[in-house]
Amino acid sequence: MTRTTVGALLLAAVLAIAGCGGTDRIAEEAVEDASNGEVKIDRDGNETKVEVGGQELENKQGGLVDGFPEDFPMPDGFEVETSTKAQGKYQAFGSISSAEDT
């Protein structure tokens, strides 16, 4: 994993955890230091797009990022809390009502 990728993932985690605009500047500075590059953050409601060193990372709170594979099997009752797309790979994090139901 490149230093740029680590920086982008660090920024996504900081933004996902914080969930507020006040941390954007602090997060940008931390990632710029970690990646030796410029950081571009575009926030629109519950969606965040980050570009670091030419690599993009997308994060969405409360749903799936655009382009998430429709045919990906999800357990019944799975509630998506956050999802990401980085380097062409998708991730979804969430919860289910019970392990027994799954």
PDB file of N, CA and C in Angstrom:
ATOM      1  N   MET A   1       0.849  -1.166   0.000  1.00  0.00           N
ATOM      2  CA  MET A   1       0.000   0.000   0.000  1.00  0.00           C
ATOM      3  C   MET A   1       0.895   1.229   0.000  1.00  0.00           C
ATOM      4  N   THR A   2       0.603   2.152  -0.913  1.00  0.00           N
ATOM      5  CA  THR A   2       1.441   3.335  -1.022  1.00  0.00           C
ATOM      6  C   THR A   2       1.141   4.326   0.090  1.00  0.00           C
ATOM      7  N   ARG A   3       2.069   5.229   0.253  1.00  0.00           N
ATOM      8  CA  ARG A   3       1.896   6.260   1.277  1.00  0.00           C
ATOM      9  C   ARG A   3       0.680   7.126   0.974  1.00  0.00           C
ATOM     10  N   THR A   4       0.431   7.373  -0.320  1.00  0.00           N
ATOM     11  CA  THR A   4      -0.733   8.156  -0.718  1.00  0.00           C
ATOM     12  C   THR A   4      -2.019   7.440  -0.343  1.00  0.00           C
ATOM     13  N   THR A   5      -2.067   6.142  -0.588  1.00  0.00           N
ATOM     14  CA  THR A   5      -3.260   5.363  -0.257  1.00  0.00           C
ATOM     15  C   THR A   5      -3.503   5.375   1.242  1.00  0.00           C
ATOM     16  N   VAL A   6      -2.447   5.215   2.003  1.00  0.00           N
ATOM     17  CA  VAL A   6      -2.586   5.245   3.460  1.00  0.00           C
ATOM     18  C   VAL A   6      -3.136   6.598   3.894  1.00  0.00           C
ATOM     19  N   GLY A   7      -2.628   7.660   3.289  1.00  0.00           N
ATOM     20  CA  GLY A   7      -3.115   8.987   3.623  1.00  0.00           C
ATOM     21  C   GLY A   7      -4.586   9.157   3.295  1.00  0.00           C
ATOM     22  N   ALA A   8      -5.008   8.675   2.124  1.00  0.00           N
ATOM     23  CA  ALA A   8      -6.416   8.784   1.730  1.00  0.00           C
ATOM     24  C   ALA A   8      -7.309   7.990   2.664  1.00  0.00           C
ATOM     25  N   LEU A   9      -6.865   6.804   3.014  1.00  0.00           N
ATOM     26  CA  LEU A   9      -7.661   5.978   3.921  1.00  0.00           C
ATOM     27  C   LEU A   9      -7.725   6.595   5.314  1.00  0.00           C
ATOM     28  N   LEU A  10      -6.622   7.187   5.753  1.00  0.00           N
ATOM     29  CA  LEU A  10      -6.607   7.878   7.037  1.00  0.00           C
ATOM     30  C   LEU A  10      -7.612   9.019   7.040  1.00  0.00           C
ATOM     31  N   LEU A  11      -7.627   9.800   5.978  1.00  0.00           N
ATOM     32  CA  LEU A  11      -8.553  10.909   5.888  1.00  0.00           C
ATOM     33  C   LEU A  11      -9.992  10.421   5.888  1.00  0.00           C
ATOM     34  N   ALA A  12     -10.285   9.378   5.129  1.00  0.00           N
ATOM     35  CA  ALA A  12     -11.649   8.846   5.090  1.00  0.00           C
ATOM     36  C   ALA A  12     -12.090   8.398   6.469  1.00  0.00           C
ATOM     37  N   ALA A  13     -11.203   7.762   7.197  1.00  0.00           N
ATOM     38  CA  ALA A  13     -11.549   7.295   8.536  1.00  0.00           C
ATOM     39  C   ALA A  13     -11.813   8.472   9.465  1.00  0.00           C
ATOM     40  N   VAL A  14     -10.972   9.488   9.384  1.00  0.00           N
ATOM     41  CA  VAL A  14     -11.161  10.673  10.237  1.00  0.00           C
ATOM     42  C   VAL A  14     -12.496  11.332   9.927  1.00  0.00           C
ATOM     43  N   LEU A  15     -12.814  11.478   8.646  1.00  0.00           N
ATOM     44  CA  LEU A  15     -14.067  12.124   8.263  1.00  0.00           C
ATOM     45  C   LEU A  15     -15.272  11.278   8.639  1.00  0.00           C
ATOM     46  N   ALA A  16     -15.160   9.974   8.462  1.00  0.00           N
ATOM     47  CA  ALA A  16     -16.279   9.092   8.798  1.00  0.00           C
ATOM     48  C   ALA A  16     -16.554   9.104  10.295  1.00  0.00           C
ATOM     49  N   ILE A  17     -15.504   9.103  11.080  1.00  0.00           N
ATOM     50  CA  ILE A  17     -15.669   9.085  12.533  1.00  0.00           C
ATOM     51  C   ILE A  17     -16.191  10.440  13.021  1.00  0.00           C
ATOM     52  N   ALA A  18     -15.631  11.498  12.520  1.00  0.00           N
ATOM     53  CA  ALA A  18     -15.993  12.827  13.008  1.00  0.00           C
ATOM     54  C   ALA A  18     -17.383  13.240  12.547  1.00  0.00           C
ATOM     55  N   GLY A  19     -17.665  13.042  11.257  1.00  0.00           N
ATOM     56  CA  GLY A  19     -18.974  13.366  10.725  1.00  0.00           C
ATOM     57  C   GLY A  19     -19.342  14.842  10.774  1.00  0.00           C
ATOM     58  N   CYS A  20     -18.341  15.711  10.890  1.00  0.00           N
ATOM     59  CA  CYS A  20     -18.661  17.137  10.911  1.00  0.00           C
ATOM     60  C   CYS A  20     -17.610  17.910  10.133  1.00  0.00           C
ATOM     61  N   GLY A  21     -18.018  19.055   9.578  1.00  0.00           N
ATOM     62  CA  GLY A  21     -17.133  19.848   8.738  1.00  0.00           C
ATOM     63  C   GLY A  21     -15.981  20.496   9.472  1.00  0.00           C
ATOM     64  N   GLY A  22     -16.067  20.659  10.770  1.00  0.00           N
ATOM     65  CA  GLY A  22     -15.032  21.348  11.522  1.00  0.00           C
ATOM     66  C   GLY A  22     -13.697  20.643  11.510  1.00  0.00           C
ATOM     67  N   THR A  23     -13.692  19.352  11.241  1.00  0.00           N
ATOM     68  CA  THR A  23     -12.436  18.602  11.252  1.00  0.00           C
ATOM     69  C   THR A  23     -11.773  18.555   9.885  1.00  0.00           C
ATOM     70  N   ASP A  24     -12.422  19.088   8.842  1.00  0.00           N
ATOM     71  CA  ASP A  24     -11.870  18.997   7.495  1.00  0.00           C
ATOM     72  C   ASP A  24     -10.457  19.567   7.407  1.00  0.00           C
ATOM     73  N   ARG A  25     -10.247  20.769   7.929  1.00  0.00           N
ATOM     74  CA  ARG A  25      -8.935  21.411   7.813  1.00  0.00           C
ATOM     75  C   ARG A  25      -7.869  20.613   8.550  1.00  0.00           C
ATOM     76  N   ILE A  26      -8.187  20.155   9.742  1.00  0.00           N
ATOM     77  CA  ILE A  26      -7.239  19.358  10.525  1.00  0.00           C
ATOM     78  C   ILE A  26      -6.914  18.061   9.803  1.00  0.00           C
ATOM     79  N   ALA A  27      -7.959  17.411   9.276  1.00  0.00           N
ATOM     80  CA  ALA A  27      -7.753  16.154   8.557  1.00  0.00           C
ATOM     81  C   ALA A  27      -6.916  16.384   7.306  1.00  0.00           C
ATOM     82  N   GLU A  28      -7.217  17.446   6.554  1.00  0.00           N
ATOM     83  CA  GLU A  28      -6.447  17.748   5.354  1.00  0.00           C
ATOM     84  C   GLU A  28      -4.969  17.924   5.680  1.00  0.00           C
ATOM     85  N   GLU A  29      -4.671  18.686   6.723  1.00  0.00           N
ATOM     86  CA  GLU A  29      -3.282  18.931   7.096  1.00  0.00           C
ATOM     87  C   GLU A  29      -2.578  17.634   7.499  1.00  0.00           C
ATOM     88  N   ALA A  30      -3.257  16.779   8.253  1.00  0.00           N
ATOM     89  CA  ALA A  30      -2.662  15.504   8.677  1.00  0.00           C
ATOM     90  C   ALA A  30      -2.363  14.626   7.477  1.00  0.00           C
ATOM     91  N   VAL A  31      -3.288  14.569   6.524  1.00  0.00           N
ATOM     92  CA  VAL A  31      -3.082  13.715   5.356  1.00  0.00           C
ATOM     93  C   VAL A  31      -2.041  14.305   4.429  1.00  0.00           C
ATOM     94  N   GLU A  32      -2.018  15.617   4.274  1.00  0.00           N
ATOM     95  CA  GLU A  32      -0.978  16.234   3.456  1.00  0.00           C
ATOM     96  C   GLU A  32       0.400  15.912   4.012  1.00  0.00           C
ATOM     97  N   ASP A  33       0.546  15.978   5.327  1.00  0.00           N
ATOM     98  CA  ASP A  33       1.822  15.631   5.949  1.00  0.00           C
ATOM     99  C   ASP A  33       2.171  14.164   5.709  1.00  0.00           C
ATOM    100  N   ALA A  34       1.179  13.279   5.832  1.00  0.00           N
ATOM    101  CA  ALA A  34       1.427  11.841   5.685  1.00  0.00           C
ATOM    102  C   ALA A  34       1.710  11.442   4.249  1.00  0.00           C
ATOM    103  N   SER A  35       1.141  12.166   3.290  1.00  0.00           N
ATOM    104  CA  SER A  35       1.265  11.744   1.890  1.00  0.00           C
ATOM    105  C   SER A  35       2.183  12.626   1.059  1.00  0.00           C
ATOM    106  N   ASN A  36       2.673  13.710   1.646  1.00  0.00           N
ATOM    107  CA  ASN A  36       3.493  14.666   0.902  1.00  0.00           C
ATOM    108  C   ASN A  36       2.773  15.183  -0.341  1.00  0.00           C
ATOM    109  N   GLY A  37       1.472  15.341  -0.266  1.00  0.00           N
ATOM    110  CA  GLY A  37       0.723  15.796  -1.434  1.00  0.00           C
ATOM    111  C   GLY A  37      -0.432  16.682  -1.074  1.00  0.00           C
ATOM    112  N   GLU A  38      -1.049  17.214  -2.105  1.00  0.00           N
ATOM    113  CA  GLU A  38      -2.228  18.046  -1.938  1.00  0.00           C
ATOM    114  C   GLU A  38      -3.447  17.168  -1.726  1.00  0.00           C
ATOM    115  N   VAL A  39      -4.356  17.658  -0.957  1.00  0.00           N
ATOM    116  CA  VAL A  39      -5.591  16.940  -0.666  1.00  0.00           C
ATOM    117  C   VAL A  39      -6.756  17.791  -1.124  1.00  0.00           C
ATOM    118  N   LYS A  40      -7.692  17.174  -1.827  1.00  0.00           N
ATOM    119  CA  LYS A  40      -8.902  17.864  -2.243  1.00  0.00           C
ATOM    120  C   LYS A  40     -10.080  17.122  -1.625  1.00  0.00           C
ATOM    121  N   ILE A  41     -10.910  17.839  -0.868  1.00  0.00           N
ATOM    122  CA  ILE A  41     -12.080  17.251  -0.227  1.00  0.00           C
ATOM    123  C   ILE A  41     -13.328  17.924  -0.774  1.00  0.00           C
ATOM    124  N   ASP A  42     -14.265  17.096  -1.226  1.00  0.00           N
ATOM    125  CA  ASP A  42     -15.545  17.600  -1.716  1.00  0.00           C
ATOM    126  C   ASP A  42     -16.642  16.919  -0.914  1.00  0.00           C
ATOM    127  N   ARG A  43     -17.342  17.703  -0.078  1.00  0.00           N
ATOM    128  CA  ARG A  43     -18.411  17.149   0.759  1.00  0.00           C
ATOM    129  C   ARG A  43     -19.750  17.668   0.255  1.00  0.00           C
ATOM    130  N   ASP A  44     -20.697  16.741   0.170  1.00  0.00           N
ATOM    131  CA  ASP A  44     -22.057  17.093  -0.239  1.00  0.00           C
ATOM    132  C   ASP A  44     -23.010  16.267   0.602  1.00  0.00           C
ATOM    133  N   GLY A  45     -23.500  16.856   1.675  1.00  0.00           N
ATOM    134  CA  GLY A  45     -24.401  16.128   2.571  1.00  0.00           C
ATOM    135  C   GLY A  45     -23.696  14.957   3.224  1.00  0.00           C
ATOM    136  N   ASN A  46     -24.187  13.744   2.957  1.00  0.00           N
ATOM    137  CA  ASN A  46     -23.611  12.554   3.569  1.00  0.00           C
ATOM    138  C   ASN A  46     -22.563  11.880   2.686  1.00  0.00           C
ATOM    139  N   GLU A  47     -22.155  12.550   1.611  1.00  0.00           N
ATOM    140  CA  GLU A  47     -21.154  11.986   0.706  1.00  0.00           C
ATOM    141  C   GLU A  47     -19.879  12.816   0.736  1.00  0.00           C
ATOM    142  N   THR A  48     -18.744  12.117   0.745  1.00  0.00           N
ATOM    143  CA  THR A  48     -17.442  12.773   0.743  1.00  0.00           C
ATOM    144  C   THR A  48     -16.575  12.150  -0.336  1.00  0.00           C
ATOM    145  N   LYS A  49     -15.944  12.995  -1.144  1.00  0.00           N
ATOM    146  CA  LYS A  49     -14.983  12.530  -2.139  1.00  0.00           C
ATOM    147  C   LYS A  49     -13.645  13.169  -1.802  1.00  0.00           C
ATOM    148  N   VAL A  50     -12.614  12.343  -1.754  1.00  0.00           N
ATOM    149  CA  VAL A  50     -11.280  12.799  -1.391  1.00  0.00           C
ATOM    150  C   VAL A  50     -10.331  12.425  -2.518  1.00  0.00           C
ATOM    151  N   GLU A  51      -9.470  13.367  -2.903  1.00  0.00           N
ATOM    152  CA  GLU A  51      -8.433  13.077  -3.890  1.00  0.00           C
ATOM    153  C   GLU A  51      -7.090  13.422  -3.268  1.00  0.00           C
ATOM    154  N   VAL A  52      -6.193  12.429  -3.269  1.00  0.00           N
ATOM    155  CA  VAL A  52      -4.845  12.601  -2.737  1.00  0.00           C
ATOM    156  C   VAL A  52      -3.880  12.016  -3.753  1.00  0.00           C
ATOM    157  N   GLY A  53      -2.989  12.831  -4.244  1.00  0.00           N
ATOM    158  CA  GLY A  53      -1.981  12.333  -5.170  1.00  0.00           C
ATOM    159  C   GLY A  53      -2.557  11.620  -6.378  1.00  0.00           C
ATOM    160  N   GLY A  54      -3.685  12.105  -6.904  1.00  0.00           N
ATOM    161  CA  GLY A  54      -4.283  11.505  -8.088  1.00  0.00           C
ATOM    162  C   GLY A  54      -5.165  10.299  -7.809  1.00  0.00           C
ATOM    163  N   GLN A  55      -5.257   9.876  -6.570  1.00  0.00           N
ATOM    164  CA  GLN A  55      -6.112   8.747  -6.220  1.00  0.00           C
ATOM    165  C   GLN A  55      -7.359   9.270  -5.526  1.00  0.00           C
ATOM    166  N   GLU A  56      -8.502   8.642  -5.855  1.00  0.00           N
ATOM    167  CA  GLU A  56      -9.762   9.078  -5.283  1.00  0.00           C
ATOM    168  C   GLU A  56     -10.309   8.072  -4.293  1.00  0.00           C
ATOM    169  N   LEU A  57     -10.988   8.590  -3.311  1.00  0.00           N
ATOM    170  CA  LEU A  57     -11.696   7.766  -2.339  1.00  0.00           C
ATOM    171  C   LEU A  57     -13.068   8.393  -2.147  1.00  0.00           C
ATOM    172  N   GLU A  58     -14.098   7.553  -2.175  1.00  0.00           N
ATOM    173  CA  GLU A  58     -15.453   8.036  -1.942  1.00  0.00           C
ATOM    174  C   GLU A  58     -15.990   7.384  -0.679  1.00  0.00           C
ATOM    175  N   ASN A  59     -16.768   8.147   0.074  1.00  0.00           N
ATOM    176  CA  ASN A  59     -17.385   7.647   1.300  1.00  0.00           C
ATOM    177  C   ASN A  59     -18.807   8.170   1.355  1.00  0.00           C
ATOM    178  N   LYS A  60     -19.723   7.312   1.784  1.00  0.00           N
ATOM    179  CA  LYS A  60     -21.118   7.726   1.948  1.00  0.00           C
ATOM    180  C   LYS A  60     -21.641   7.187   3.267  1.00  0.00           C
ATOM    181  N   GLN A  61     -22.235   8.058   4.048  1.00  0.00           N
ATOM    182  CA  GLN A  61     -22.848   7.673   5.311  1.00  0.00           C
ATOM    183  C   GLN A  61     -24.311   7.326   5.061  1.00  0.00           C
ATOM    184  N   GLY A  62     -24.761   6.201   5.609  1.00  0.00           N
ATOM    185  CA  GLY A  62     -26.173   5.839   5.520  1.00  0.00           C
ATOM    186  C   GLY A  62     -26.627   5.283   4.195  1.00  0.00           C
ATOM    187  N   GLY A  63     -25.722   4.759   3.399  1.00  0.00           N
ATOM    188  CA  GLY A  63     -26.102   4.182   2.113  1.00  0.00           C
ATOM    189  C   GLY A  63     -24.895   3.713   1.334  1.00  0.00           C
ATOM    190  N   LEU A  64     -25.149   3.242   0.133  1.00  0.00           N
ATOM    191  CA  LEU A  64     -24.079   2.732  -0.717  1.00  0.00           C
ATOM    192  C   LEU A  64     -23.568   3.813  -1.662  1.00  0.00           C
ATOM    193  N   VAL A  65     -22.253   3.866  -1.844  1.00  0.00           N
ATOM    194  CA  VAL A  65     -21.658   4.812  -2.789  1.00  0.00           C
ATOM    195  C   VAL A  65     -22.133   4.481  -4.190  1.00  0.00           C
ATOM    196  N   ASP A  66     -22.139   5.497  -5.046  1.00  0.00           N
ATOM    197  CA  ASP A  66     -22.514   5.292  -6.442  1.00  0.00           C
ATOM    198  C   ASP A  66     -21.614   4.240  -7.072  1.00  0.00           C
ATOM    199  N   GLY A  67     -22.215   3.365  -7.847  1.00  0.00           N
ATOM    200  CA  GLY A  67     -21.458   2.337  -8.532  1.00  0.00           C
ATOM    201  C   GLY A  67     -21.282   1.047  -7.760  1.00  0.00           C
ATOM    202  N   PHE A  68     -21.743   0.996  -6.499  1.00  0.00           N
ATOM    203  CA  PHE A  68     -21.616  -0.235  -5.714  1.00  0.00           C
ATOM    204  C   PHE A  68     -22.321  -1.348  -6.489  1.00  0.00           C
ATOM    205  N   PRO A  69     -21.670  -2.511  -6.667  1.00  0.00           N
ATOM    206  CA  PRO A  69     -22.249  -3.584  -7.479  1.00  0.00           C
ATOM    207  C   PRO A  69     -23.637  -4.014  -6.990  1.00  0.00           C
ATOM    208  N   GLU A  70     -24.616  -3.898  -7.878  1.00  0.00           N
ATOM    209  CA  GLU A  70     -25.991  -4.247  -7.533  1.00  0.00           C
ATOM    210  C   GLU A  70     -26.166  -5.732  -7.245  1.00  0.00           C
ATOM    211  N   ASP A  71     -25.312  -6.564  -7.840  1.00  0.00           N
ATOM    212  CA  ASP A  71     -25.465  -8.011  -7.671  1.00  0.00           C
ATOM    213  C   ASP A  71     -24.677  -8.558  -6.477  1.00  0.00           C
ATOM    214  N   PHE A  72     -24.087  -7.669  -5.678  1.00  0.00           N
ATOM    215  CA  PHE A  72     -23.344  -8.124  -4.504  1.00  0.00           C
ATOM    216  C   PHE A  72     -24.338  -8.626  -3.461  1.00  0.00           C
ATOM    217  N   PRO A  73     -24.167  -9.868  -2.992  1.00  0.00           N
ATOM    218  CA  PRO A  73     -25.140 -10.414  -2.033  1.00  0.00           C
ATOM    219  C   PRO A  73     -25.006  -9.773  -0.654  1.00  0.00           C
ATOM    220  N   MET A  74     -26.129  -9.270  -0.165  1.00  0.00           N
ATOM    221  CA  MET A  74     -26.186  -8.682   1.170  1.00  0.00           C
ATOM    222  C   MET A  74     -27.177  -9.505   1.992  1.00  0.00           C
ATOM    223  N   PRO A  75     -26.902  -9.716   3.262  1.00  0.00           N
ATOM    224  CA  PRO A  75     -27.858 -10.439   4.115  1.00  0.00           C
ATOM    225  C   PRO A  75     -29.186  -9.685   4.205  1.00  0.00           C
ATOM    226  N   ASP A  76     -30.278 -10.409   4.324  1.00  0.00           N
ATOM    227  CA  ASP A  76     -31.573  -9.774   4.538  1.00  0.00           C
ATOM    228  C   ASP A  76     -31.507  -8.911   5.797  1.00  0.00           C
ATOM    229  N   GLY A  77     -32.062  -7.740   5.715  1.00  0.00           N
ATOM    230  CA  GLY A  77     -32.091  -6.857   6.870  1.00  0.00           C
ATOM    231  C   GLY A  77     -30.795  -6.110   7.135  1.00  0.00           C
ATOM    232  N   PHE A  78     -29.818  -6.211   6.229  1.00  0.00           N
ATOM    233  CA  PHE A  78     -28.541  -5.511   6.413  1.00  0.00           C
ATOM    234  C   PHE A  78     -28.769  -4.015   6.243  1.00  0.00           C
ATOM    235  N   GLU A  79     -28.411  -3.243   7.247  1.00  0.00           N
ATOM    236  CA  GLU A  79     -28.545  -1.796   7.192  1.00  0.00           C
ATOM    237  C   GLU A  79     -27.165  -1.177   7.018  1.00  0.00           C
ATOM    238  N   VAL A  80     -26.953  -0.551   5.894  1.00  0.00           N
ATOM    239  CA  VAL A  80     -25.661   0.056   5.578  1.00  0.00           C
ATOM    240  C   VAL A  80     -25.495   1.328   6.403  1.00  0.00           C
ATOM    241  N   GLU A  81     -24.401   1.371   7.152  1.00  0.00           N
ATOM    242  CA  GLU A  81     -24.083   2.566   7.937  1.00  0.00           C
ATOM    243  C   GLU A  81     -23.121   3.465   7.176  1.00  0.00           C
ATOM    244  N   THR A  82     -22.164   2.866   6.500  1.00  0.00           N
ATOM    245  CA  THR A  82     -21.224   3.633   5.682  1.00  0.00           C
ATOM    246  C   THR A  82     -20.672   2.717   4.596  1.00  0.00           C
ATOM    247  N   SER A  83     -20.294   3.314   3.478  1.00  0.00           N
ATOM    248  CA  SER A  83     -19.675   2.546   2.402  1.00  0.00           C
ATOM    249  C   SER A  83     -18.566   3.387   1.783  1.00  0.00           C
ATOM    250  N   THR A  84     -17.618   2.697   1.167  1.00  0.00           N
ATOM    251  CA  THR A  84     -16.491   3.387   0.549  1.00  0.00           C
ATOM    252  C   THR A  84     -16.141   2.760  -0.790  1.00  0.00           C
ATOM    253  N   LYS A  85     -15.491   3.553  -1.614  1.00  0.00           N
ATOM    254  CA  LYS A  85     -14.898   3.080  -2.863  1.00  0.00           C
ATOM    255  C   LYS A  85     -13.508   3.676  -2.933  1.00  0.00           C
ATOM    256  N   ALA A  86     -12.506   2.813  -3.050  1.00  0.00           N
ATOM    257  CA  ALA A  86     -11.119   3.266  -3.172  1.00  0.00           C
ATOM    258  C   ALA A  86     -10.394   2.309  -4.099  1.00  0.00           C
ATOM    259  N   GLN A  87      -9.715   2.838  -5.073  1.00  0.00           N
ATOM    260  CA  GLN A  87      -8.939   2.060  -6.025  1.00  0.00           C
ATOM    261  C   GLN A  87      -9.776   0.950  -6.653  1.00  0.00           C
ATOM    262  N   GLY A  88     -11.023   1.272  -6.998  1.00  0.00           N
ATOM    263  CA  GLY A  88     -11.902   0.322  -7.664  1.00  0.00           C
ATOM    264  C   GLY A  88     -12.459  -0.771  -6.773  1.00  0.00           C
ATOM    265  N   LYS A  89     -12.241  -0.658  -5.472  1.00  0.00           N
ATOM    266  CA  LYS A  89     -12.740  -1.661  -4.527  1.00  0.00           C
ATOM    267  C   LYS A  89     -13.809  -1.013  -3.648  1.00  0.00           C
ATOM    268  N   TYR A  90     -14.857  -1.785  -3.401  1.00  0.00           N
ATOM    269  CA  TYR A  90     -15.980  -1.297  -2.618  1.00  0.00           C
ATOM    270  C   TYR A  90     -16.039  -2.003  -1.274  1.00  0.00           C
ATOM    271  N   GLN A  91     -16.498  -1.249  -0.260  1.00  0.00           N
ATOM    272  CA  GLN A  91     -16.719  -1.817   1.073  1.00  0.00           C
ATOM    273  C   GLN A  91     -18.005  -1.240   1.622  1.00  0.00           C
ATOM    274  N   ALA A  92     -18.726  -2.075   2.368  1.00  0.00           N
ATOM    275  CA  ALA A  92     -19.933  -1.605   3.054  1.00  0.00           C
ATOM    276  C   ALA A  92     -19.864  -2.090   4.488  1.00  0.00           C
ATOM    277  N   PHE A  93     -20.184  -1.211   5.401  1.00  0.00           N
ATOM    278  CA  PHE A  93     -20.184  -1.542   6.817  1.00  0.00           C
ATOM    279  C   PHE A  93     -21.581  -1.262   7.351  1.00  0.00           C
ATOM    280  N   GLY A  94     -22.076  -2.140   8.190  1.00  0.00           N
ATOM    281  CA  GLY A  94     -23.401  -1.931   8.715  1.00  0.00           C
ATOM    282  C   GLY A  94     -23.740  -2.939   9.789  1.00  0.00           C
ATOM    283  N   SER A  95     -25.029  -3.170   9.948  1.00  0.00           N
ATOM    284  CA  SER A  95     -25.471  -4.077  10.998  1.00  0.00           C
ATOM    285  C   SER A  95     -26.646  -4.909  10.505  1.00  0.00           C
ATOM    286  N   ILE A  96     -26.876  -6.007  11.202  1.00  0.00           N
ATOM    287  CA  ILE A  96     -28.004  -6.871  10.917  1.00  0.00           C
ATOM    288  C   ILE A  96     -28.796  -7.025  12.217  1.00  0.00           C
ATOM    289  N   SER A  97     -30.044  -7.438  12.082  1.00  0.00           N
ATOM    290  CA  SER A  97     -30.887  -7.538  13.272  1.00  0.00           C
ATOM    291  C   SER A  97     -30.376  -8.624  14.221  1.00  0.00           C
ATOM    292  N   SER A  98     -29.954  -9.761  13.677  1.00  0.00           N
ATOM    293  CA  SER A  98     -29.387 -10.815  14.532  1.00  0.00           C
ATOM    294  C   SER A  98     -28.595 -11.793  13.669  1.00  0.00           C
ATOM    295  N   ALA A  99     -27.632 -12.432  14.277  1.00  0.00           N
ATOM    296  CA  ALA A  99     -26.831 -13.426  13.567  1.00  0.00           C
ATOM    297  C   ALA A  99     -27.701 -14.624  13.192  1.00  0.00           C
ATOM    298  N   GLU A 100     -28.675 -14.937  14.012  1.00  0.00           N
ATOM    299  CA  GLU A 100     -29.561 -16.071  13.744  1.00  0.00           C
ATOM    300  C   GLU A 100     -30.349 -15.855  12.449  1.00  0.00           C
ATOM    301  N   ASP A 101     -30.813 -14.610  12.217  1.00  0.00           N
ATOM    302  CA  ASP A 101     -31.558 -14.319  11.016  1.00  0.00           C
ATOM    303  C   ASP A 101     -30.700 -14.448   9.762  1.00  0.00           C
ATOM    304  N   THR A 102     -29.438 -14.170   9.884  1.00  0.00           N
ATOM    305  CA  THR A 102     -28.536 -14.239   8.739  1.00  0.00           C
ATOM    306  C   THR A 102     -28.170 -15.669   8.445  1.00  0.00           C
TER     307      THR A 102
END
